[in-house]
């Protein structure tokens, strides 16, 4: 029986699934889109069954109260990255890189293209919220495509059929187009399914430029930045900021390489960059 805590063999399995859903544009064919029926996807399918069943409006509000108190741990940013590295899973067949190396690859690809240093730093920290797993959170409450809660679930979300088991889908407060929200109210007023994106945004919101914060908060919101399923909740400012989310996405998906970065050579640059934007320690 697949564990409800860890249906995936590793957290990277979700990201590998994203690559199969959204391959690099030049290699994309009609058959590449939204193909979820192959047997090797069984663990991903089970992951989303759990995610779509349990990510309710009340669950999200509970997790916001629990984790946004930031009373679990206090670490310097590099220490948080090393803490994140304990998530490395030897069972992942697709990459030998640890979490820190993936983040460095993402950031270095952004830096190589000449983007501002805050954009580079965003690439470096964008998955830091996955430390939620180290605080005992199940995978389905840490990774996965994110979506608004408190309103009708879009059929553009991966495996939408599993929302039939979500209590909110039968609750008239939450199962209409707008639910608890107003038309074009702006995503700042919308509660997203709980996971590493929202957690990291809340950690960083006082320190990083607004485009960086949008990248952190919505990089897993594929039903919007790829499918545009929630335009009815977004305001004009959201649409402007999502240009940055879409700019970030290819670096996250397509920067993985089997050649590991040399951490010791890169560490001084990133320590200086961290010191420029972030405090000496972060509360998790």
C-alpha atoms as a PDB file:
ATOM      1  CA  UNK A   1       0.000   0.000   0.000  1.00  0.00           C
ATOM      2  CA  UNK A   2       1.320   3.453  -0.926  1.00  0.00           C
ATOM      3  CA  UNK A   3       1.958   5.682   2.068  1.00  0.00           C
ATOM      4  CA  UNK A   4      -0.267   8.730   2.423  1.00  0.00           C
ATOM      5  CA  UNK A   5       2.779  10.577   3.738  1.00  0.00           C
ATOM      6  CA  UNK A   6       5.118   9.688   0.876  1.00  0.00           C
ATOM      7  CA  UNK A   7       3.422   8.286  -2.236  1.00  0.00           C
ATOM      8  CA  UNK A   8       6.312   9.516  -4.417  1.00  0.00           C
ATOM      9  CA  UNK A   9       9.645   7.726  -4.331  1.00  0.00           C
ATOM     10  CA  UNK A  10      11.249  11.181  -4.074  1.00  0.00           C
ATOM     11  CA  UNK A  11      10.155  14.804  -4.254  1.00  0.00           C
ATOM     12  CA  UNK A  12      11.919  15.080  -7.618  1.00  0.00           C
ATOM     13  CA  UNK A  13       9.385  12.674  -9.108  1.00  0.00           C
ATOM     14  CA  UNK A  14       6.823  15.484  -9.175  1.00  0.00           C
ATOM     15  CA  UNK A  15       9.253  17.709 -11.074  1.00  0.00           C
ATOM     16  CA  UNK A  16      10.057  14.903 -13.498  1.00  0.00           C
ATOM     17  CA  UNK A  17       6.324  14.586 -14.126  1.00  0.00           C
ATOM     18  CA  UNK A  18       6.193  18.299 -14.909  1.00  0.00           C
ATOM     19  CA  UNK A  19       8.875  17.810 -17.539  1.00  0.00           C
ATOM     20  CA  UNK A  20       6.796  15.131 -19.230  1.00  0.00           C
ATOM     21  CA  UNK A  21       3.730  17.380 -19.145  1.00  0.00           C
ATOM     22  CA  UNK A  22       5.596  20.475 -20.285  1.00  0.00           C
ATOM     23  CA  UNK A  23       8.670  19.406 -22.280  1.00  0.00           C
ATOM     24  CA  UNK A  24      10.949  22.012 -23.770  1.00  0.00           C
ATOM     25  CA  UNK A  25       8.981  23.853 -26.485  1.00  0.00           C
ATOM     26  CA  UNK A  26      11.196  22.834 -29.389  1.00  0.00           C
ATOM     27  CA  UNK A  27      10.666  19.154 -28.501  1.00  0.00           C
ATOM     28  CA  UNK A  28       6.959  19.403 -27.802  1.00  0.00           C
ATOM     29  CA  UNK A  29       4.486  17.421 -29.855  1.00  0.00           C
ATOM     30  CA  UNK A  30       0.732  17.141 -29.651  1.00  0.00           C
ATOM     31  CA  UNK A  31       1.062  13.803 -27.858  1.00  0.00           C
ATOM     32  CA  UNK A  32       3.256  15.327 -25.149  1.00  0.00           C
ATOM     33  CA  UNK A  33       0.410  17.291 -23.576  1.00  0.00           C
ATOM     34  CA  UNK A  34      -1.371  16.051 -20.466  1.00  0.00           C
ATOM     35  CA  UNK A  35      -0.550  12.378 -20.971  1.00  0.00           C
ATOM     36  CA  UNK A  36      -1.183  10.784 -17.575  1.00  0.00           C
ATOM     37  CA  UNK A  37      -2.115   7.240 -18.503  1.00  0.00           C
ATOM     38  CA  UNK A  38       1.177   5.345 -18.580  1.00  0.00           C
ATOM     39  CA  UNK A  39       1.721   2.796 -15.769  1.00  0.00           C
ATOM     40  CA  UNK A  40       4.891   4.484 -14.455  1.00  0.00           C
ATOM     41  CA  UNK A  41       2.709   7.388 -13.340  1.00  0.00           C
ATOM     42  CA  UNK A  42       0.958   5.341 -10.665  1.00  0.00           C
ATOM     43  CA  UNK A  43       2.760   7.020  -7.781  1.00  0.00           C
ATOM     44  CA  UNK A  44       2.168  10.484  -9.268  1.00  0.00           C
ATOM     45  CA  UNK A  45      -1.507   9.627  -9.723  1.00  0.00           C
ATOM     46  CA  UNK A  46      -1.732   8.519  -6.081  1.00  0.00           C
ATOM     47  CA  UNK A  47       0.073  11.680  -4.997  1.00  0.00           C
ATOM     48  CA  UNK A  48      -2.544  13.846  -6.718  1.00  0.00           C
ATOM     49  CA  UNK A  49      -5.406  11.756  -5.399  1.00  0.00           C
ATOM     50  CA  UNK A  50      -4.239  12.604  -1.882  1.00  0.00           C
ATOM     51  CA  UNK A  51      -3.458  16.213  -2.739  1.00  0.00           C
ATOM     52  CA  UNK A  52      -6.835  16.870  -4.335  1.00  0.00           C
ATOM     53  CA  UNK A  53      -8.729  15.048  -1.596  1.00  0.00           C
ATOM     54  CA  UNK A  54      -7.186  16.766   1.412  1.00  0.00           C
ATOM     55  CA  UNK A  55      -6.238  20.276   0.228  1.00  0.00           C
ATOM     56  CA  UNK A  56      -9.387  21.994   1.452  1.00  0.00           C
ATOM     57  CA  UNK A  57      -9.973  25.620   2.402  1.00  0.00           C
ATOM     58  CA  UNK A  58     -10.033  24.717   6.115  1.00  0.00           C
ATOM     59  CA  UNK A  59      -6.865  22.616   5.784  1.00  0.00           C
ATOM     60  CA  UNK A  60      -5.007  25.520   4.170  1.00  0.00           C
ATOM     61  CA  UNK A  61      -6.090  27.995   6.833  1.00  0.00           C
ATOM     62  CA  UNK A  62      -4.976  25.525   9.522  1.00  0.00           C
ATOM     63  CA  UNK A  63      -1.532  25.155   7.923  1.00  0.00           C
ATOM     64  CA  UNK A  64      -1.180  28.915   7.590  1.00  0.00           C
ATOM     65  CA  UNK A  65      -1.789  29.259  11.327  1.00  0.00           C
ATOM     66  CA  UNK A  66       0.602  26.408  12.140  1.00  0.00           C
ATOM     67  CA  UNK A  67       3.581  27.282   9.959  1.00  0.00           C
ATOM     68  CA  UNK A  68       3.382  31.031   9.510  1.00  0.00           C
ATOM     69  CA  UNK A  69       4.200  31.471  13.178  1.00  0.00           C
ATOM     70  CA  UNK A  70       7.773  30.570  12.091  1.00  0.00           C
ATOM     71  CA  UNK A  71       8.587  28.917  15.394  1.00  0.00           C
ATOM     72  CA  UNK A  72      10.193  25.675  14.157  1.00  0.00           C
ATOM     73  CA  UNK A  73      13.823  26.591  13.552  1.00  0.00           C
ATOM     74  CA  UNK A  74      16.164  29.527  12.939  1.00  0.00           C
ATOM     75  CA  UNK A  75      19.011  29.154  10.461  1.00  0.00           C
ATOM     76  CA  UNK A  76      21.241  31.190   8.154  1.00  0.00           C
ATOM     77  CA  UNK A  77      20.157  30.765   4.534  1.00  0.00           C
ATOM     78  CA  UNK A  78      23.088  28.515   3.636  1.00  0.00           C
ATOM     79  CA  UNK A  79      22.322  26.450   6.721  1.00  0.00           C
ATOM     80  CA  UNK A  80      18.713  26.140   5.556  1.00  0.00           C
ATOM     81  CA  UNK A  81      20.000  24.847   2.225  1.00  0.00           C
ATOM     82  CA  UNK A  82      22.124  22.248   3.967  1.00  0.00           C
ATOM     83  CA  UNK A  83      19.095  21.319   6.078  1.00  0.00           C
ATOM     84  CA  UNK A  84      17.122  20.924   2.835  1.00  0.00           C
ATOM     85  CA  UNK A  85      19.851  18.646   1.521  1.00  0.00           C
ATOM     86  CA  UNK A  86      18.863  15.974   4.018  1.00  0.00           C
ATOM     87  CA  UNK A  87      15.873  15.365   1.717  1.00  0.00           C
ATOM     88  CA  UNK A  88      18.128  13.654  -0.851  1.00  0.00           C
ATOM     89  CA  UNK A  89      16.620  10.291  -1.742  1.00  0.00           C
ATOM     90  CA  UNK A  90      18.844   7.543  -3.145  1.00  0.00           C
ATOM     91  CA  UNK A  91      15.807   5.878  -4.717  1.00  0.00           C
ATOM     92  CA  UNK A  92      15.447   8.619  -7.347  1.00  0.00           C
ATOM     93  CA  UNK A  93      16.725   7.033 -10.592  1.00  0.00           C
ATOM     94  CA  UNK A  94      16.757  10.193 -12.660  1.00  0.00           C
ATOM     95  CA  UNK A  95      19.263  12.440 -10.955  1.00  0.00           C
ATOM     96  CA  UNK A  96      22.268  12.065  -8.687  1.00  0.00           C
ATOM     97  CA  UNK A  97      22.118  15.737  -7.758  1.00  0.00           C
ATOM     98  CA  UNK A  98      21.069  16.845  -4.325  1.00  0.00           C
ATOM     99  CA  UNK A  99      18.684  19.716  -3.650  1.00  0.00           C
ATOM    100  CA  UNK A 100      21.468  22.290  -3.282  1.00  0.00           C
ATOM    101  CA  UNK A 101      22.984  21.353  -6.622  1.00  0.00           C
ATOM    102  CA  UNK A 102      19.616  21.641  -8.390  1.00  0.00           C
ATOM    103  CA  UNK A 103      19.133  25.107  -6.898  1.00  0.00           C
ATOM    104  CA  UNK A 104      22.627  26.156  -7.949  1.00  0.00           C
ATOM    105  CA  UNK A 105      22.023  24.894 -11.485  1.00  0.00           C
ATOM    106  CA  UNK A 106      18.815  26.905 -11.695  1.00  0.00           C
ATOM    107  CA  UNK A 107      20.475  30.042 -10.342  1.00  0.00           C
ATOM    108  CA  UNK A 108      23.554  29.691 -12.529  1.00  0.00           C
ATOM    109  CA  UNK A 109      21.409  29.353 -15.659  1.00  0.00           C
ATOM    110  CA  UNK A 110      19.638  32.586 -14.694  1.00  0.00           C
ATOM    111  CA  UNK A 111      22.970  34.317 -14.014  1.00  0.00           C
ATOM    112  CA  UNK A 112      24.423  33.129 -17.337  1.00  0.00           C
ATOM    113  CA  UNK A 113      21.570  34.863 -19.158  1.00  0.00           C
ATOM    114  CA  UNK A 114      22.412  38.176 -17.518  1.00  0.00           C
ATOM    115  CA  UNK A 115      19.364  38.655 -15.332  1.00  0.00           C
ATOM    116  CA  UNK A 116      19.407  40.903 -12.222  1.00  0.00           C
ATOM    117  CA  UNK A 117      21.056  39.490  -9.124  1.00  0.00           C
ATOM    118  CA  UNK A 118      17.742  39.291  -7.223  1.00  0.00           C
ATOM    119  CA  UNK A 119      16.456  37.004 -10.003  1.00  0.00           C
ATOM    120  CA  UNK A 120      19.559  34.823  -9.553  1.00  0.00           C
ATOM    121  CA  UNK A 121      18.919  34.670  -5.800  1.00  0.00           C
ATOM    122  CA  UNK A 122      15.296  33.692  -6.461  1.00  0.00           C
ATOM    123  CA  UNK A 123      16.524  30.731  -8.486  1.00  0.00           C
ATOM    124  CA  UNK A 124      18.803  29.751  -5.633  1.00  0.00           C
ATOM    125  CA  UNK A 125      16.147  29.787  -2.906  1.00  0.00           C
ATOM    126  CA  UNK A 126      12.971  28.881  -4.829  1.00  0.00           C
ATOM    127  CA  UNK A 127      12.665  25.350  -3.421  1.00  0.00           C
ATOM    128  CA  UNK A 128      13.764  26.149   0.117  1.00  0.00           C
ATOM    129  CA  UNK A 129      10.164  25.799   1.318  1.00  0.00           C
ATOM    130  CA  UNK A 130      10.479  22.030   0.833  1.00  0.00           C
ATOM    131  CA  UNK A 131      11.936  21.968   4.346  1.00  0.00           C
ATOM    132  CA  UNK A 132       8.274  21.479   5.302  1.00  0.00           C
ATOM    133  CA  UNK A 133       8.908  17.761   4.711  1.00  0.00           C
ATOM    134  CA  UNK A 134      11.533  17.851   7.445  1.00  0.00           C
ATOM    135  CA  UNK A 135       8.892  19.154   9.851  1.00  0.00           C
ATOM    136  CA  UNK A 136       6.751  16.067   9.251  1.00  0.00           C
ATOM    137  CA  UNK A 137       4.479  17.379   6.497  1.00  0.00           C
ATOM    138  CA  UNK A 138       3.270  14.818   3.936  1.00  0.00           C
ATOM    139  CA  UNK A 139       4.499  15.225   0.371  1.00  0.00           C
ATOM    140  CA  UNK A 140       1.043  16.232  -0.893  1.00  0.00           C
ATOM    141  CA  UNK A 141       1.203  19.274   1.437  1.00  0.00           C
ATOM    142  CA  UNK A 142       4.677  20.300   0.237  1.00  0.00           C
ATOM    143  CA  UNK A 143       4.936  19.830  -3.541  1.00  0.00           C
ATOM    144  CA  UNK A 144       2.505  19.442  -6.433  1.00  0.00           C
ATOM    145  CA  UNK A 145       0.758  21.866  -8.755  1.00  0.00           C
ATOM    146  CA  UNK A 146      -0.898  24.569  -6.653  1.00  0.00           C
ATOM    147  CA  UNK A 147      -4.410  25.964  -7.081  1.00  0.00           C
ATOM    148  CA  UNK A 148      -6.842  28.299  -5.309  1.00  0.00           C
ATOM    149  CA  UNK A 149      -8.936  26.866  -2.497  1.00  0.00           C
ATOM    150  CA  UNK A 150     -12.280  28.314  -1.464  1.00  0.00           C
ATOM    151  CA  UNK A 151     -13.713  28.315  -4.984  1.00  0.00           C
ATOM    152  CA  UNK A 152     -14.553  25.895  -7.785  1.00  0.00           C
ATOM    153  CA  UNK A 153     -11.687  23.645  -8.901  1.00  0.00           C
ATOM    154  CA  UNK A 154     -10.744  24.134 -12.540  1.00  0.00           C
ATOM    155  CA  UNK A 155     -10.711  21.181 -14.913  1.00  0.00           C
ATOM    156  CA  UNK A 156      -7.349  22.534 -16.125  1.00  0.00           C
ATOM    157  CA  UNK A 157      -5.686  21.294 -12.912  1.00  0.00           C
ATOM    158  CA  UNK A 158      -3.881  17.986 -13.322  1.00  0.00           C
ATOM    159  CA  UNK A 159      -6.137  14.986 -12.489  1.00  0.00           C
ATOM    160  CA  UNK A 160      -9.257  17.104 -11.853  1.00  0.00           C
ATOM    161  CA  UNK A 161     -11.381  13.984 -11.334  1.00  0.00           C
ATOM    162  CA  UNK A 162      -9.858  13.518  -7.875  1.00  0.00           C
ATOM    163  CA  UNK A 163     -11.527  16.678  -6.622  1.00  0.00           C
ATOM    164  CA  UNK A 164     -14.750  14.638  -6.435  1.00  0.00           C
ATOM    165  CA  UNK A 165     -13.407  13.362  -3.088  1.00  0.00           C
ATOM    166  CA  UNK A 166     -12.656  16.855  -1.772  1.00  0.00           C
ATOM    167  CA  UNK A 167     -15.324  18.009   0.716  1.00  0.00           C
ATOM    168  CA  UNK A 168     -15.165  21.561  -0.664  1.00  0.00           C
ATOM    169  CA  UNK A 169     -16.496  20.345  -4.021  1.00  0.00           C
ATOM    170  CA  UNK A 170     -19.807  19.572  -2.291  1.00  0.00           C
ATOM    171  CA  UNK A 171     -19.860  22.700  -0.103  1.00  0.00           C
ATOM    172  CA  UNK A 172     -21.894  25.517  -1.612  1.00  0.00           C
ATOM    173  CA  UNK A 173     -19.655  28.063   0.106  1.00  0.00           C
ATOM    174  CA  UNK A 174     -16.682  26.885  -1.932  1.00  0.00           C
ATOM    175  CA  UNK A 175     -17.873  25.128  -5.102  1.00  0.00           C
ATOM    176  CA  UNK A 176     -18.977  28.102  -7.209  1.00  0.00           C
ATOM    177  CA  UNK A 177     -16.833  29.966  -9.721  1.00  0.00           C
ATOM    178  CA  UNK A 178     -15.882  32.682  -7.226  1.00  0.00           C
ATOM    179  CA  UNK A 179     -16.593  30.895  -3.936  1.00  0.00           C
ATOM    180  CA  UNK A 180     -15.462  33.103  -1.041  1.00  0.00           C
ATOM    181  CA  UNK A 181     -13.824  35.628  -3.414  1.00  0.00           C
ATOM    182  CA  UNK A 182     -14.937  38.592  -5.532  1.00  0.00           C
ATOM    183  CA  UNK A 183     -14.418  38.843  -9.309  1.00  0.00           C
ATOM    184  CA  UNK A 184     -10.865  39.951 -10.163  1.00  0.00           C
ATOM    185  CA  UNK A 185     -10.103  40.439  -6.478  1.00  0.00           C
ATOM    186  CA  UNK A 186      -6.386  39.865  -7.012  1.00  0.00           C
ATOM    187  CA  UNK A 187      -4.370  36.791  -6.027  1.00  0.00           C
ATOM    188  CA  UNK A 188      -3.136  38.560  -2.881  1.00  0.00           C
ATOM    189  CA  UNK A 189      -6.651  37.943  -1.540  1.00  0.00           C
ATOM    190  CA  UNK A 190      -6.790  34.293  -2.643  1.00  0.00           C
ATOM    191  CA  UNK A 191      -5.681  31.329  -0.525  1.00  0.00           C
ATOM    192  CA  UNK A 192      -3.649  28.810  -2.501  1.00  0.00           C
ATOM    193  CA  UNK A 193      -3.295  25.107  -1.766  1.00  0.00           C
ATOM    194  CA  UNK A 194      -0.652  24.682   0.916  1.00  0.00           C
ATOM    195  CA  UNK A 195       2.935  23.875  -0.025  1.00  0.00           C
ATOM    196  CA  UNK A 196       6.496  25.052  -0.420  1.00  0.00           C
ATOM    197  CA  UNK A 197       5.606  27.987  -2.697  1.00  0.00           C
ATOM    198  CA  UNK A 198       3.372  29.820  -0.240  1.00  0.00           C
ATOM    199  CA  UNK A 199       5.608  28.966   2.711  1.00  0.00           C
ATOM    200  CA  UNK A 200       8.708  30.412   1.015  1.00  0.00           C
ATOM    201  CA  UNK A 201       6.831  33.527  -0.086  1.00  0.00           C
ATOM    202  CA  UNK A 202       5.776  34.196   3.494  1.00  0.00           C
ATOM    203  CA  UNK A 203       9.377  33.770   4.694  1.00  0.00           C
ATOM    204  CA  UNK A 204      10.763  36.136   2.039  1.00  0.00           C
ATOM    205  CA  UNK A 205       8.002  38.724   1.600  1.00  0.00           C
ATOM    206  CA  UNK A 206       9.761  41.478   3.578  1.00  0.00           C
ATOM    207  CA  UNK A 207      13.101  41.109   1.811  1.00  0.00           C
ATOM    208  CA  UNK A 208      12.817  40.472  -1.937  1.00  0.00           C
ATOM    209  CA  UNK A 209      11.519  42.569  -4.872  1.00  0.00           C
ATOM    210  CA  UNK A 210       7.915  41.980  -5.872  1.00  0.00           C
ATOM    211  CA  UNK A 211       8.659  40.114  -9.135  1.00  0.00           C
ATOM    212  CA  UNK A 212      10.792  37.665  -7.128  1.00  0.00           C
ATOM    213  CA  UNK A 213       7.965  37.161  -4.653  1.00  0.00           C
ATOM    214  CA  UNK A 214       5.525  36.345  -7.456  1.00  0.00           C
ATOM    215  CA  UNK A 215       7.992  33.787  -8.836  1.00  0.00           C
ATOM    216  CA  UNK A 216       8.310  32.150  -5.430  1.00  0.00           C
ATOM    217  CA  UNK A 217       4.610  32.178  -4.637  1.00  0.00           C
ATOM    218  CA  UNK A 218       3.202  31.019  -7.975  1.00  0.00           C
ATOM    219  CA  UNK A 219       5.861  28.961  -9.763  1.00  0.00           C
ATOM    220  CA  UNK A 220       3.805  25.789  -9.178  1.00  0.00           C
ATOM    221  CA  UNK A 221       0.494  27.406 -10.206  1.00  0.00           C
ATOM    222  CA  UNK A 222       0.518  25.674 -13.606  1.00  0.00           C
ATOM    223  CA  UNK A 223      -3.240  25.894 -14.145  1.00  0.00           C
ATOM    224  CA  UNK A 224      -2.771  29.665 -14.380  1.00  0.00           C
ATOM    225  CA  UNK A 225       0.663  30.418 -15.793  1.00  0.00           C
ATOM    226  CA  UNK A 226       0.297  27.658 -18.414  1.00  0.00           C
ATOM    227  CA  UNK A 227      -3.486  27.208 -18.761  1.00  0.00           C
ATOM    228  CA  UNK A 228      -4.869  30.646 -17.705  1.00  0.00           C
ATOM    229  CA  UNK A 229      -7.715  28.975 -15.818  1.00  0.00           C
ATOM    230  CA  UNK A 230      -8.084  31.627 -13.098  1.00  0.00           C
ATOM    231  CA  UNK A 231      -8.106  34.912 -14.988  1.00  0.00           C
ATOM    232  CA  UNK A 232     -11.427  35.659 -13.271  1.00  0.00           C
ATOM    233  CA  UNK A 233      -9.644  35.985  -9.894  1.00  0.00           C
ATOM    234  CA  UNK A 234      -6.620  37.940 -11.121  1.00  0.00           C
ATOM    235  CA  UNK A 235      -6.368  41.713 -11.342  1.00  0.00           C
ATOM    236  CA  UNK A 236      -4.299  43.764 -13.797  1.00  0.00           C
ATOM    237  CA  UNK A 237      -1.304  43.824 -11.472  1.00  0.00           C
ATOM    238  CA  UNK A 238      -1.296  40.013 -11.244  1.00  0.00           C
ATOM    239  CA  UNK A 239      -1.277  39.745 -15.035  1.00  0.00           C
ATOM    240  CA  UNK A 240       1.689  42.112 -15.228  1.00  0.00           C
ATOM    241  CA  UNK A 241       3.622  40.223 -12.547  1.00  0.00           C
ATOM    242  CA  UNK A 242       2.912  36.809 -14.119  1.00  0.00           C
ATOM    243  CA  UNK A 243       5.243  37.803 -16.955  1.00  0.00           C
ATOM    244  CA  UNK A 244       7.981  37.217 -14.390  1.00  0.00           C
ATOM    245  CA  UNK A 245       6.514  33.894 -13.266  1.00  0.00           C
ATOM    246  CA  UNK A 246       6.539  32.694 -16.872  1.00  0.00           C
ATOM    247  CA  UNK A 247      10.082  33.996 -17.339  1.00  0.00           C
ATOM    248  CA  UNK A 248      11.244  31.999 -14.321  1.00  0.00           C
ATOM    249  CA  UNK A 249       9.522  28.722 -15.195  1.00  0.00           C
ATOM    250  CA  UNK A 250      11.912  27.474 -17.935  1.00  0.00           C
ATOM    251  CA  UNK A 251      14.912  27.879 -15.634  1.00  0.00           C
ATOM    252  CA  UNK A 252      13.222  25.744 -12.998  1.00  0.00           C
ATOM    253  CA  UNK A 253      12.149  23.009 -15.421  1.00  0.00           C
ATOM    254  CA  UNK A 254      14.955  22.839 -17.960  1.00  0.00           C
ATOM    255  CA  UNK A 255      18.187  23.703 -16.126  1.00  0.00           C
ATOM    256  CA  UNK A 256      18.850  20.212 -14.716  1.00  0.00           C
ATOM    257  CA  UNK A 257      22.075  18.700 -15.946  1.00  0.00           C
ATOM    258  CA  UNK A 258      23.969  15.557 -14.871  1.00  0.00           C
ATOM    259  CA  UNK A 259      27.109  17.680 -14.425  1.00  0.00           C
ATOM    260  CA  UNK A 260      27.095  18.941 -10.829  1.00  0.00           C
ATOM    261  CA  UNK A 261      28.094  22.512 -10.028  1.00  0.00           C
ATOM    262  CA  UNK A 262      31.215  22.949  -7.901  1.00  0.00           C
ATOM    263  CA  UNK A 263      29.664  24.180  -4.677  1.00  0.00           C
ATOM    264  CA  UNK A 264      32.915  25.371  -3.103  1.00  0.00           C
ATOM    265  CA  UNK A 265      33.623  27.648  -6.075  1.00  0.00           C
ATOM    266  CA  UNK A 266      30.126  29.159  -6.118  1.00  0.00           C
ATOM    267  CA  UNK A 267      29.538  29.498  -2.392  1.00  0.00           C
ATOM    268  CA  UNK A 268      31.336  32.898  -1.924  1.00  0.00           C
ATOM    269  CA  UNK A 269      29.241  34.533  -4.668  1.00  0.00           C
ATOM    270  CA  UNK A 270      25.972  33.241  -3.222  1.00  0.00           C
ATOM    271  CA  UNK A 271      26.920  34.120   0.344  1.00  0.00           C
ATOM    272  CA  UNK A 272      27.518  37.712  -0.795  1.00  0.00           C
ATOM    273  CA  UNK A 273      24.226  37.711  -2.684  1.00  0.00           C
ATOM    274  CA  UNK A 274      22.356  36.376   0.328  1.00  0.00           C
ATOM    275  CA  UNK A 275      23.905  39.055   2.546  1.00  0.00           C
ATOM    276  CA  UNK A 276      22.802  41.773   0.102  1.00  0.00           C
ATOM    277  CA  UNK A 277      19.107  40.902   0.301  1.00  0.00           C
ATOM    278  CA  UNK A 278      18.417  38.713   3.314  1.00  0.00           C
ATOM    279  CA  UNK A 279      18.978  38.860   7.086  1.00  0.00           C
ATOM    280  CA  UNK A 280      21.694  36.866   8.807  1.00  0.00           C
ATOM    281  CA  UNK A 281      19.201  34.189   9.835  1.00  0.00           C
ATOM    282  CA  UNK A 282      15.731  33.174   8.747  1.00  0.00           C
ATOM    283  CA  UNK A 283      12.976  31.836  10.984  1.00  0.00           C
ATOM    284  CA  UNK A 284      11.365  28.693   9.617  1.00  0.00           C
END
